[in-house]
Amino acid sequence: QVKHLVLDEADRMLDMGFQEDILRIISYLPKERQTLL
C-alpha cells in the first residue's frame, strides 16, 4: 500500500554497501508510487 518511497542520504547508503538491499526492498513495493531521492 506504499504510495511514497523516500531514499534519504542515498549516496551514504551506497557507500555503506546497501545498493542490493535497496533494490530488493523496491521489489516489494507497488510500481505505481512516488519516489523521492
Full PDB file with SEQRES, HELIX, SHEET, SSBOND, CRYST1, ORIGX, SCALE, CONECT and MASTER records, all heavy atoms in Angstrom:
SEQRES   1 A   37  GLN VAL LYS HIS LEU VAL LEU ASP GLU ALA ASP ARG MET          
SEQRES   2 A   37  LEU ASP MET GLY PHE GLN GLU ASP ILE LEU ARG ILE ILE          
SEQRES   3 A   37  SER TYR LEU PRO LYS GLU ARG GLN THR LEU LEU                  
HELIX    1 AA1 ALA A   10  ASP A   15  1                                   6    
HELIX    2 AA2 GLN A   19  ILE A   26  1                                   8    
SHEET    1 AA1 2 HIS A   4  VAL A   6  0                                        
SHEET    2 AA1 2 GLN A  34  LEU A  36  1                                        
CRYST1    1.000    1.000    1.000  90.00  90.00  90.00 P 1           1          
ORIGX1      1.000000  0.000000  0.000000        0.00000                         
ORIGX2      0.000000  1.000000  0.000000        0.00000                         
ORIGX3      0.000000  0.000000  1.000000        0.00000                         
SCALE1      1.000000  0.000000  0.000000        0.00000                         
SCALE2      0.000000  1.000000  0.000000        0.00000                         
SCALE3      0.000000  0.000000  1.000000        0.00000                         
ATOM      1  N   GLN A   1       0.808  -1.215   0.000  1.00  0.00           N  
ATOM      2  CA  GLN A   1       0.000   0.000   0.000  1.00  0.00           C  
ATOM      3  C   GLN A   1       0.849   1.277   0.000  1.00  0.00           C  
ATOM      4  O   GLN A   1       0.323   2.380   0.122  1.00  0.00           O  
ATOM      5  CB  GLN A   1      -0.919   0.019   1.230  1.00  0.00           C  
ATOM      6  CG  GLN A   1      -1.915  -1.124   1.293  1.00  0.00           C  
ATOM      7  CD  GLN A   1      -2.933  -1.059   0.174  1.00  0.00           C  
ATOM      8  OE1 GLN A   1      -3.434   0.006  -0.167  1.00  0.00           O  
ATOM      9  NE2 GLN A   1      -3.237  -2.204  -0.425  1.00  0.00           N  
ATOM     10  N   VAL A   2       2.153   1.119  -0.152  1.00  0.00           N  
ATOM     11  CA  VAL A   2       3.051   2.271  -0.091  1.00  0.00           C  
ATOM     12  C   VAL A   2       2.827   3.195  -1.295  1.00  0.00           C  
ATOM     13  O   VAL A   2       2.814   2.757  -2.446  1.00  0.00           O  
ATOM     14  CB  VAL A   2       4.522   1.819  -0.034  1.00  0.00           C  
ATOM     15  CG1 VAL A   2       5.474   2.983  -0.294  1.00  0.00           C  
ATOM     16  CG2 VAL A   2       4.829   1.188   1.323  1.00  0.00           C  
ATOM     17  N   LYS A   3       2.640   4.473  -1.001  1.00  0.00           N  
ATOM     18  CA  LYS A   3       2.452   5.491  -2.033  1.00  0.00           C  
ATOM     19  C   LYS A   3       3.710   6.333  -2.254  1.00  0.00           C  
ATOM     20  O   LYS A   3       3.887   6.923  -3.310  1.00  0.00           O  
ATOM     21  CB  LYS A   3       1.298   6.424  -1.657  1.00  0.00           C  
ATOM     22  CG  LYS A   3      -0.030   5.720  -1.428  1.00  0.00           C  
ATOM     23  CD  LYS A   3      -0.555   5.083  -2.707  1.00  0.00           C  
ATOM     24  CE  LYS A   3      -1.928   4.462  -2.469  1.00  0.00           C  
ATOM     25  NZ  LYS A   3      -2.419   3.753  -3.672  1.00  0.00           N  
ATOM     26  N   HIS A   4       4.557   6.412  -1.212  1.00  0.00           N  
ATOM     27  CA  HIS A   4       5.749   7.257  -1.283  1.00  0.00           C  
ATOM     28  C   HIS A   4       6.962   6.463  -0.806  1.00  0.00           C  
ATOM     29  O   HIS A   4       6.945   5.884   0.284  1.00  0.00           O  
ATOM     30  CB  HIS A   4       5.615   8.497  -0.393  1.00  0.00           C  
ATOM     31  CG  HIS A   4       4.317   9.215  -0.529  1.00  0.00           C  
ATOM     32  ND1 HIS A   4       4.055  10.109  -1.537  1.00  0.00           N  
ATOM     33  CD2 HIS A   4       3.198   9.168   0.229  1.00  0.00           C  
ATOM     34  CE1 HIS A   4       2.831  10.588  -1.404  1.00  0.00           C  
ATOM     35  NE2 HIS A   4       2.287  10.034  -0.339  1.00  0.00           N  
ATOM     36  N   LEU A   5       8.021   6.467  -1.588  1.00  0.00           N  
ATOM     37  CA  LEU A   5       9.314   5.926  -1.181  1.00  0.00           C  
ATOM     38  C   LEU A   5      10.306   7.078  -1.139  1.00  0.00           C  
ATOM     39  O   LEU A   5      10.468   7.800  -2.132  1.00  0.00           O  
ATOM     40  CB  LEU A   5       9.817   4.865  -2.160  1.00  0.00           C  
ATOM     41  CG  LEU A   5      11.274   4.411  -1.983  1.00  0.00           C  
ATOM     42  CD1 LEU A   5      11.474   3.729  -0.629  1.00  0.00           C  
ATOM     43  CD2 LEU A   5      11.708   3.508  -3.125  1.00  0.00           C  
ATOM     44  N   VAL A   6      10.987   7.253   0.006  1.00  0.00           N  
ATOM     45  CA  VAL A   6      11.997   8.297   0.153  1.00  0.00           C  
ATOM     46  C   VAL A   6      13.343   7.631   0.411  1.00  0.00           C  
ATOM     47  O   VAL A   6      13.477   6.826   1.345  1.00  0.00           O  
ATOM     48  CB  VAL A   6      11.666   9.257   1.313  1.00  0.00           C  
ATOM     49  CG1 VAL A   6      12.739  10.351   1.412  1.00  0.00           C  
ATOM     50  CG2 VAL A   6      10.286   9.867   1.130  1.00  0.00           C  
ATOM     51  N   LEU A   7      14.330   7.934  -0.410  1.00  0.00           N  
ATOM     52  CA  LEU A   7      15.705   7.474  -0.202  1.00  0.00           C  
ATOM     53  C   LEU A   7      16.501   8.663   0.320  1.00  0.00           C  
ATOM     54  O   LEU A   7      16.860   9.561  -0.446  1.00  0.00           O  
ATOM     55  CB  LEU A   7      16.297   6.947  -1.514  1.00  0.00           C  
ATOM     56  CG  LEU A   7      15.501   5.825  -2.201  1.00  0.00           C  
ATOM     57  CD1 LEU A   7      16.108   5.495  -3.561  1.00  0.00           C  
ATOM     58  CD2 LEU A   7      15.456   4.589  -1.319  1.00  0.00           C  
ATOM     59  N   ASP A   8      16.741   8.693   1.628  1.00  0.00           N  
ATOM     60  CA  ASP A   8      17.433   9.824   2.238  1.00  0.00           C  
ATOM     61  C   ASP A   8      18.907   9.485   2.410  1.00  0.00           C  
ATOM     62  O   ASP A   8      19.252   8.363   2.806  1.00  0.00           O  
ATOM     63  CB  ASP A   8      16.800  10.147   3.601  1.00  0.00           C  
ATOM     64  CG  ASP A   8      17.157  11.549   4.070  1.00  0.00           C  
ATOM     65  OD1 ASP A   8      18.000  12.201   3.415  1.00  0.00           O  
ATOM     66  OD2 ASP A   8      16.598  11.994   5.086  1.00  0.00           O  
ATOM     67  N   GLU A   9      19.778  10.462   2.135  1.00  0.00           N  
ATOM     68  CA  GLU A   9      21.236  10.246   2.154  1.00  0.00           C  
ATOM     69  C   GLU A   9      21.575   9.042   1.255  1.00  0.00           C  
ATOM     70  O   GLU A   9      22.287   8.117   1.663  1.00  0.00           O  
ATOM     71  CB  GLU A   9      21.736  10.016   3.584  1.00  0.00           C  
ATOM     72  CG  GLU A   9      21.471  11.166   4.538  1.00  0.00           C  
ATOM     73  CD  GLU A   9      22.422  12.330   4.352  1.00  0.00           C  
ATOM     74  OE1 GLU A   9      23.138  12.353   3.330  1.00  0.00           O  
ATOM     75  OE2 GLU A   9      22.448  13.217   5.220  1.00  0.00           O  
ATOM     76  N   ALA A  10      21.082   9.061   0.044  1.00  0.00           N  
ATOM     77  CA  ALA A  10      21.256   7.925  -0.858  1.00  0.00           C  
ATOM     78  C   ALA A  10      22.729   7.631  -1.132  1.00  0.00           C  
ATOM     79  O   ALA A  10      23.131   6.463  -1.225  1.00  0.00           O  
ATOM     80  CB  ALA A  10      20.522   8.190  -2.169  1.00  0.00           C  
ATOM     81  N   ASP A  11      23.539   8.666  -1.261  1.00  0.00           N  
ATOM     82  CA  ASP A  11      24.966   8.435  -1.529  1.00  0.00           C  
ATOM     83  C   ASP A  11      25.631   7.702  -0.380  1.00  0.00           C  
ATOM     84  O   ASP A  11      26.453   6.808  -0.578  1.00  0.00           O  
ATOM     85  CB  ASP A  11      25.690   9.746  -1.842  1.00  0.00           C  
ATOM     86  CG  ASP A  11      25.446  10.824  -0.800  1.00  0.00           C  
ATOM     87  OD1 ASP A  11      24.559  10.661   0.062  1.00  0.00           O  
ATOM     88  OD2 ASP A  11      26.140  11.867  -0.859  1.00  0.00           O  
ATOM     89  N   ARG A  12      25.269   8.038   0.844  1.00  0.00           N  
ATOM     90  CA  ARG A  12      25.844   7.370   2.008  1.00  0.00           C  
ATOM     91  C   ARG A  12      25.381   5.915   2.089  1.00  0.00           C  
ATOM     92  O   ARG A  12      26.153   5.026   2.455  1.00  0.00           O  
ATOM     93  CB  ARG A  12      25.473   8.120   3.290  1.00  0.00           C  
ATOM     94  CG  ARG A  12      26.091   7.547   4.554  1.00  0.00           C  
ATOM     95  CD  ARG A  12      27.590   7.533   4.511  1.00  0.00           C  
ATOM     96  NE  ARG A  12      28.171   8.861   4.634  1.00  0.00           N  
ATOM     97  CZ  ARG A  12      29.463   9.115   4.558  1.00  0.00           C  
ATOM     98  NH1 ARG A  12      30.315   8.126   4.354  1.00  0.00           N  
ATOM     99  NH2 ARG A  12      29.925  10.342   4.663  1.00  0.00           N  
ATOM    100  N   MET A  13      24.130   5.646   1.723  1.00  0.00           N  
ATOM    101  CA  MET A  13      23.651   4.257   1.729  1.00  0.00           C  
ATOM    102  C   MET A  13      24.444   3.408   0.738  1.00  0.00           C  
ATOM    103  O   MET A  13      24.797   2.258   1.033  1.00  0.00           O  
ATOM    104  CB  MET A  13      22.154   4.202   1.412  1.00  0.00           C  
ATOM    105  CG  MET A  13      21.277   4.604   2.586  1.00  0.00           C  
ATOM    106  SD  MET A  13      19.541   4.110   2.422  1.00  0.00           S  
ATOM    107  CE  MET A  13      18.960   5.359   1.263  1.00  0.00           C  
ATOM    108  N   LEU A  14      24.741   3.975  -0.433  1.00  0.00           N  
ATOM    109  CA  LEU A  14      25.532   3.222  -1.404  1.00  0.00           C  
ATOM    110  C   LEU A  14      26.965   3.050  -0.922  1.00  0.00           C  
ATOM    111  O   LEU A  14      27.570   1.994  -1.119  1.00  0.00           O  
ATOM    112  CB  LEU A  14      25.509   3.919  -2.764  1.00  0.00           C  
ATOM    113  CG  LEU A  14      24.144   4.017  -3.459  1.00  0.00           C  
ATOM    114  CD1 LEU A  14      24.338   4.399  -4.928  1.00  0.00           C  
ATOM    115  CD2 LEU A  14      23.358   2.733  -3.355  1.00  0.00           C  
ATOM    116  N   ASP A  15      27.519   4.076  -0.285  1.00  0.00           N  
ATOM    117  CA  ASP A  15      28.872   3.972   0.277  1.00  0.00           C  
ATOM    118  C   ASP A  15      28.954   2.854   1.317  1.00  0.00           C  
ATOM    119  O   ASP A  15      29.997   2.217   1.475  1.00  0.00           O  
ATOM    120  CB  ASP A  15      29.291   5.292   0.933  1.00  0.00           C  
ATOM    121  CG  ASP A  15      29.608   6.382  -0.069  1.00  0.00           C  
ATOM    122  OD1 ASP A  15      29.795   6.045  -1.261  1.00  0.00           O  
ATOM    123  OD2 ASP A  15      29.639   7.567   0.317  1.00  0.00           O  
ATOM    124  N   MET A  16      27.852   2.608   2.019  1.00  0.00           N  
ATOM    125  CA  MET A  16      27.815   1.589   3.065  1.00  0.00           C  
ATOM    126  C   MET A  16      27.436   0.216   2.521  1.00  0.00           C  
ATOM    127  O   MET A  16      27.272  -0.732   3.281  1.00  0.00           O  
ATOM    128  CB  MET A  16      26.840   2.018   4.171  1.00  0.00           C  
ATOM    129  CG  MET A  16      27.280   3.272   4.910  1.00  0.00           C  
ATOM    130  SD  MET A  16      26.024   3.934   6.029  1.00  0.00           S  
ATOM    131  CE  MET A  16      25.982   2.655   7.300  1.00  0.00           C  
ATOM    132  N   GLY A  17      27.289   0.096   1.206  1.00  0.00           N  
ATOM    133  CA  GLY A  17      27.047  -1.196   0.587  1.00  0.00           C  
ATOM    134  C   GLY A  17      25.603  -1.653   0.564  1.00  0.00           C  
ATOM    135  O   GLY A  17      25.332  -2.864   0.471  1.00  0.00           O  
ATOM    136  N   PHE A  18      24.653  -0.715   0.593  1.00  0.00           N  
ATOM    137  CA  PHE A  18      23.239  -1.073   0.677  1.00  0.00           C  
ATOM    138  C   PHE A  18      22.529  -1.132  -0.684  1.00  0.00           C  
ATOM    139  O   PHE A  18      21.311  -1.264  -0.729  1.00  0.00           O  
ATOM    140  CB  PHE A  18      22.489  -0.072   1.561  1.00  0.00           C  
ATOM    141  CG  PHE A  18      22.731  -0.244   3.033  1.00  0.00           C  
ATOM    142  CD1 PHE A  18      23.025   0.859   3.827  1.00  0.00           C  
ATOM    143  CD2 PHE A  18      22.658  -1.494   3.620  1.00  0.00           C  
ATOM    144  CE1 PHE A  18      23.244   0.713   5.192  1.00  0.00           C  
ATOM    145  CE2 PHE A  18      22.878  -1.657   4.984  1.00  0.00           C  
ATOM    146  CZ  PHE A  18      23.173  -0.558   5.769  1.00  0.00           C  
ATOM    147  N   GLN A  19      23.267  -1.021  -1.783  1.00  0.00           N  
ATOM    148  CA  GLN A  19      22.591  -0.932  -3.078  1.00  0.00           C  
ATOM    149  C   GLN A  19      21.714  -2.144  -3.357  1.00  0.00           C  
ATOM    150  O   GLN A  19      20.549  -2.005  -3.766  1.00  0.00           O  
ATOM    151  CB  GLN A  19      23.602  -0.757  -4.210  1.00  0.00           C  
ATOM    152  CG  GLN A  19      22.930  -0.614  -5.575  1.00  0.00           C  
ATOM    153  CD  GLN A  19      23.856  -0.046  -6.634  1.00  0.00           C  
ATOM    154  OE1 GLN A  19      24.989   0.301  -6.362  1.00  0.00           O  
ATOM    155  NE2 GLN A  19      23.381   0.049  -7.863  1.00  0.00           N  
ATOM    156  N   GLU A  20      22.239  -3.360  -3.152  1.00  0.00           N  
ATOM    157  CA  GLU A  20      21.449  -4.561  -3.411  1.00  0.00           C  
ATOM    158  C   GLU A  20      20.248  -4.632  -2.483  1.00  0.00           C  
ATOM    159  O   GLU A  20      19.154  -5.055  -2.898  1.00  0.00           O  
ATOM    160  CB  GLU A  20      22.329  -5.803  -3.262  1.00  0.00           C  
ATOM    161  CG  GLU A  20      23.356  -5.968  -4.378  1.00  0.00           C  
ATOM    162  CD  GLU A  20      24.089  -7.289  -4.283  1.00  0.00           C  
ATOM    163  OE1 GLU A  20      23.688  -8.145  -3.457  1.00  0.00           O  
ATOM    164  OE2 GLU A  20      25.056  -7.490  -5.032  1.00  0.00           O  
ATOM    165  N   ASP A  21      20.432  -4.240  -1.210  1.00  0.00           N  
ATOM    166  CA  ASP A  21      19.313  -4.231  -0.270  1.00  0.00           C  
ATOM    167  C   ASP A  21      18.215  -3.271  -0.728  1.00  0.00           C  
ATOM    168  O   ASP A  21      17.021  -3.584  -0.637  1.00  0.00           O  
ATOM    169  CB  ASP A  21      19.789  -3.833   1.132  1.00  0.00           C  
ATOM    170  CG  ASP A  21      20.623  -4.920   1.795  1.00  0.00           C  
ATOM    171  OD1 ASP A  21      20.598  -6.060   1.300  1.00  0.00           O  
ATOM    172  OD2 ASP A  21      21.297  -4.625   2.795  1.00  0.00           O  
ATOM    173  N   ILE A  22      18.622  -2.099  -1.199  1.00  0.00           N  
ATOM    174  CA  ILE A  22      17.634  -1.109  -1.661  1.00  0.00           C  
ATOM    175  C   ILE A  22      16.840  -1.659  -2.840  1.00  0.00           C  
ATOM    176  O   ILE A  22      15.606  -1.553  -2.882  1.00  0.00           O  
ATOM    177  CB  ILE A  22      18.336   0.209  -2.044  1.00  0.00           C  
ATOM    178  CG1 ILE A  22      18.924   0.875  -0.799  1.00  0.00           C  
ATOM    179  CG2 ILE A  22      17.362   1.160  -2.733  1.00  0.00           C  
ATOM    180  CD1 ILE A  22      19.832   2.048  -1.105  1.00  0.00           C  
ATOM    181  N   LEU A  23      17.538  -2.257  -3.800  1.00  0.00           N  
ATOM    182  CA  LEU A  23      16.851  -2.814  -4.958  1.00  0.00           C  
ATOM    183  C   LEU A  23      15.918  -3.949  -4.554  1.00  0.00           C  
ATOM    184  O   LEU A  23      14.820  -4.113  -5.113  1.00  0.00           O  
ATOM    185  CB  LEU A  23      17.872  -3.303  -5.990  1.00  0.00           C  
ATOM    186  CG  LEU A  23      18.733  -2.205  -6.627  1.00  0.00           C  
ATOM    187  CD1 LEU A  23      19.789  -2.812  -7.545  1.00  0.00           C  
ATOM    188  CD2 LEU A  23      17.867  -1.214  -7.408  1.00  0.00           C  
ATOM    189  N   ARG A  24      16.328  -4.738  -3.582  1.00  0.00           N  
ATOM    190  CA  ARG A  24      15.469  -5.824  -3.093  1.00  0.00           C  
ATOM    191  C   ARG A  24      14.212  -5.259  -2.433  1.00  0.00           C  
ATOM    192  O   ARG A  24      13.101  -5.762  -2.645  1.00  0.00           O  
ATOM    193  CB  ARG A  24      16.243  -6.704  -2.116  1.00  0.00           C  
ATOM    194  CG  ARG A  24      15.451  -7.900  -1.611  1.00  0.00           C  
ATOM    195  CD  ARG A  24      16.291  -8.762  -0.699  1.00  0.00           C  
ATOM    196  NE  ARG A  24      15.485  -9.812  -0.080  1.00  0.00           N  
ATOM    197  CZ  ARG A  24      15.929 -10.633   0.876  1.00  0.00           C  
ATOM    198  NH1 ARG A  24      17.180 -10.524   1.303  1.00  0.00           N  
ATOM    199  NH2 ARG A  24      15.131 -11.543   1.392  1.00  0.00           N  
ATOM    200  N   ILE A  25      14.378  -4.218  -1.637  1.00  0.00           N  
ATOM    201  CA  ILE A  25      13.232  -3.584  -0.977  1.00  0.00           C  
ATOM    202  C   ILE A  25      12.272  -3.014  -2.015  1.00  0.00           C  
ATOM    203  O   ILE A  25      11.053  -3.153  -1.904  1.00  0.00           O  
ATOM    204  CB  ILE A  25      13.713  -2.489  -0.003  1.00  0.00           C  
ATOM    205  CG1 ILE A  25      14.427  -3.124   1.196  1.00  0.00           C  
ATOM    206  CG2 ILE A  25      12.544  -1.616   0.465  1.00  0.00           C  
ATOM    207  CD1 ILE A  25      15.227  -2.149   2.033  1.00  0.00           C  
ATOM    208  N   ILE A  26      12.819  -2.380  -3.044  1.00  0.00           N  
ATOM    209  CA  ILE A  26      11.984  -1.795  -4.091  1.00  0.00           C  
ATOM    210  C   ILE A  26      11.129  -2.860  -4.773  1.00  0.00           C  
ATOM    211  O   ILE A  26       9.992  -2.596  -5.190  1.00  0.00           O  
ATOM    212  CB  ILE A  26      12.860  -1.041  -5.111  1.00  0.00           C  
ATOM    213  CG1 ILE A  26      13.411   0.245  -4.468  1.00  0.00           C  
ATOM    214  CG2 ILE A  26      12.087  -0.706  -6.383  1.00  0.00           C  
ATOM    215  CD1 ILE A  26      14.408   0.991  -5.336  1.00  0.00           C  
ATOM    216  N   SER A  27      11.644  -4.082  -4.847  1.00  0.00           N  
ATOM    217  CA  SER A  27      10.879  -5.156  -5.497  1.00  0.00           C  
ATOM    218  C   SER A  27       9.608  -5.503  -4.730  1.00  0.00           C  
ATOM    219  O   SER A  27       8.696  -6.131  -5.289  1.00  0.00           O  
ATOM    220  CB  SER A  27      11.755  -6.405  -5.648  1.00  0.00           C  
ATOM    221  OG  SER A  27      11.987  -7.030  -4.385  1.00  0.00           O  
ATOM    222  N   TYR A  28       9.520  -5.138  -3.449  1.00  0.00           N  
ATOM    223  CA  TYR A  28       8.322  -5.382  -2.639  1.00  0.00           C  
ATOM    224  C   TYR A  28       7.279  -4.268  -2.788  1.00  0.00           C  
ATOM    225  O   TYR A  28       6.166  -4.403  -2.277  1.00  0.00           O  
ATOM    226  CB  TYR A  28       8.691  -5.487  -1.152  1.00  0.00           C  
ATOM    227  CG  TYR A  28       9.366  -6.775  -0.740  1.00  0.00           C  
ATOM    228  CD1 TYR A  28      10.751  -6.929  -0.844  1.00  0.00           C  
ATOM    229  CD2 TYR A  28       8.633  -7.843  -0.227  1.00  0.00           C  
ATOM    230  CE1 TYR A  28      11.382  -8.093  -0.441  1.00  0.00           C  
ATOM    231  CE2 TYR A  28       9.256  -9.019   0.173  1.00  0.00           C  
ATOM    232  CZ  TYR A  28      10.632  -9.136   0.055  1.00  0.00           C  
ATOM    233  OH  TYR A  28      11.246 -10.296   0.448  1.00  0.00           O  
ATOM    234  N   LEU A  29       7.654  -3.184  -3.445  1.00  0.00           N  
ATOM    235  CA  LEU A  29       6.782  -2.009  -3.492  1.00  0.00           C  
ATOM    236  C   LEU A  29       5.931  -2.000  -4.755  1.00  0.00           C  
ATOM    237  O   LEU A  29       6.317  -2.578  -5.785  1.00  0.00           O  
ATOM    238  CB  LEU A  29       7.629  -0.735  -3.444  1.00  0.00           C  
ATOM    239  CG  LEU A  29       8.573  -0.565  -2.256  1.00  0.00           C  
ATOM    240  CD1 LEU A  29       9.359   0.735  -2.403  1.00  0.00           C  
ATOM    241  CD2 LEU A  29       7.811  -0.581  -0.949  1.00  0.00           C  
ATOM    242  N   PRO A  30       4.794  -1.310  -4.714  1.00  0.00           N  
ATOM    243  CA  PRO A  30       3.997  -1.152  -5.928  1.00  0.00           C  
ATOM    244  C   PRO A  30       4.778  -0.359  -6.981  1.00  0.00           C  
ATOM    245  O   PRO A  30       5.548   0.541  -6.651  1.00  0.00           O  
ATOM    246  CB  PRO A  30       2.775  -0.351  -5.451  1.00  0.00           C  
ATOM    247  CG  PRO A  30       2.756  -0.485  -3.968  1.00  0.00           C  
ATOM    248  CD  PRO A  30       4.169  -0.660  -3.542  1.00  0.00           C  
ATOM    249  N   LYS A  31       4.574  -0.686  -8.242  1.00  0.00           N  
ATOM    250  CA  LYS A  31       5.242   0.061  -9.300  1.00  0.00           C  
ATOM    251  C   LYS A  31       4.683   1.476  -9.413  1.00  0.00           C  
ATOM    252  O   LYS A  31       5.405   2.415  -9.775  1.00  0.00           O  
ATOM    253  CB  LYS A  31       5.103  -0.684 -10.631  1.00  0.00           C  
ATOM    254  CG  LYS A  31       5.907  -1.975 -10.679  1.00  0.00           C  
ATOM    255  CD  LYS A  31       5.838  -2.613 -12.055  1.00  0.00           C  
ATOM    256  CE  LYS A  31       6.690  -3.888 -12.095  1.00  0.00           C  
ATOM    257  NZ  LYS A  31       6.638  -4.544 -13.430  1.00  0.00           N  
ATOM    258  N   GLU A  32       3.404   1.606  -9.110  1.00  0.00           N  
ATOM    259  CA  GLU A  32       2.777   2.924  -9.132  1.00  0.00           C  
ATOM    260  C   GLU A  32       2.978   3.587  -7.768  1.00  0.00           C  
ATOM    261  O   GLU A  32       2.263   3.297  -6.806  1.00  0.00           O  
ATOM    262  CB  GLU A  32       1.285   2.802  -9.442  1.00  0.00           C  
ATOM    263  CG  GLU A  32       0.985   2.297 -10.838  1.00  0.00           C  
ATOM    264  CD  GLU A  32       1.436   3.273 -11.916  1.00  0.00           C  
ATOM    265  OE1 GLU A  32       1.363   4.495 -11.661  1.00  0.00           O  
ATOM    266  OE2 GLU A  32       1.868   2.819 -12.986  1.00  0.00           O  
ATOM    267  N   ARG A  33       3.982   4.441  -7.685  1.00  0.00           N  
ATOM    268  CA  ARG A  33       4.309   5.116  -6.427  1.00  0.00           C  
ATOM    269  C   ARG A  33       5.075   6.387  -6.767  1.00  0.00           C  
ATOM    270  O   ARG A  33       5.509   6.582  -7.903  1.00  0.00           O  
ATOM    271  CB  ARG A  33       5.174   4.225  -5.520  1.00  0.00           C  
ATOM    272  CG  ARG A  33       6.533   3.925  -6.135  1.00  0.00           C  
ATOM    273  CD  ARG A  33       7.486   3.164  -5.241  1.00  0.00           C  
ATOM    274  NE  ARG A  33       8.807   3.125  -5.850  1.00  0.00           N  
ATOM    275  CZ  ARG A  33       9.212   2.233  -6.725  1.00  0.00           C  
ATOM    276  NH1 ARG A  33       8.407   1.258  -7.103  1.00  0.00           N  
ATOM    277  NH2 ARG A  33      10.441   2.307  -7.244  1.00  0.00           N  
ATOM    278  N   GLN A  34       5.251   7.234  -5.770  1.00  0.00           N  
ATOM    279  CA  GLN A  34       6.097   8.418  -5.923  1.00  0.00           C  
ATOM    280  C   GLN A  34       7.411   8.144  -5.210  1.00  0.00           C  
ATOM    281  O   GLN A  34       7.416   7.746  -4.042  1.00  0.00           O  
ATOM    282  CB  GLN A  34       5.420   9.645  -5.315  1.00  0.00           C  
ATOM    283  CG  GLN A  34       6.208  10.936  -5.509  1.00  0.00           C  
ATOM    284  CD  GLN A  34       5.511  12.135  -4.895  1.00  0.00           C  
ATOM    285  OE1 GLN A  34       4.855  12.024  -3.869  1.00  0.00           O  
ATOM    286  NE2 GLN A  34       5.643  13.293  -5.523  1.00  0.00           N  
ATOM    287  N   THR A  35       8.530   8.344  -5.902  1.00  0.00           N  
ATOM    288  CA  THR A  35       9.847   8.082  -5.327  1.00  0.00           C  
ATOM    289  C   THR A  35      10.645   9.373  -5.253  1.00  0.00           C  
ATOM    290  O   THR A  35      10.752  10.106  -6.242  1.00  0.00           O  
ATOM    291  CB  THR A  35      10.620   7.034  -6.151  1.00  0.00           C  
ATOM    292  OG1 THR A  35       9.832   5.842  -6.248  1.00  0.00           O  
ATOM    293  CG2 THR A  35      11.949   6.701  -5.487  1.00  0.00           C  
ATOM    294  N   LEU A  36      11.218   9.632  -4.084  1.00  0.00           N  
ATOM    295  CA  LEU A  36      11.976  10.855  -3.820  1.00  0.00           C  
ATOM    296  C   LEU A  36      13.381  10.463  -3.386  1.00  0.00           C  
ATOM    297  O   LEU A  36      13.545   9.735  -2.398  1.00  0.00           O  
ATOM    298  CB  LEU A  36      11.285  11.683  -2.733  1.00  0.00           C  
ATOM    299  CG  LEU A  36       9.773  11.876  -2.896  1.00  0.00           C  
ATOM    300  CD1 LEU A  36       9.184  12.539  -1.661  1.00  0.00           C  
ATOM    301  CD2 LEU A  36       9.477  12.695  -4.146  1.00  0.00           C  
ATOM    302  N   LEU A  37      14.370  10.925  -4.096  1.00  0.00           N  
ATOM    303  CA  LEU A  37      15.761  10.591  -3.782  1.00  0.00           C  
ATOM    304  C   LEU A  37      16.493  11.862  -3.358  1.00  0.00           C  
ATOM    305  O   LEU A  37      16.566  12.825  -4.126  1.00  0.00           O  
ATOM    306  CB  LEU A  37      16.435   9.949  -4.991  1.00  0.00           C  
ATOM    307  CG  LEU A  37      17.855   9.402  -4.809  1.00  0.00           C  
ATOM    308  CD1 LEU A  37      18.100   8.241  -5.791  1.00  0.00           C  
ATOM    309  CD2 LEU A  37      18.930  10.472  -5.022  1.00  0.00           C  
TER     310      LEU A  37                                                      
MASTER        0    0    0    2    2    0    0    6  309    1    0    3          
END                                                                             
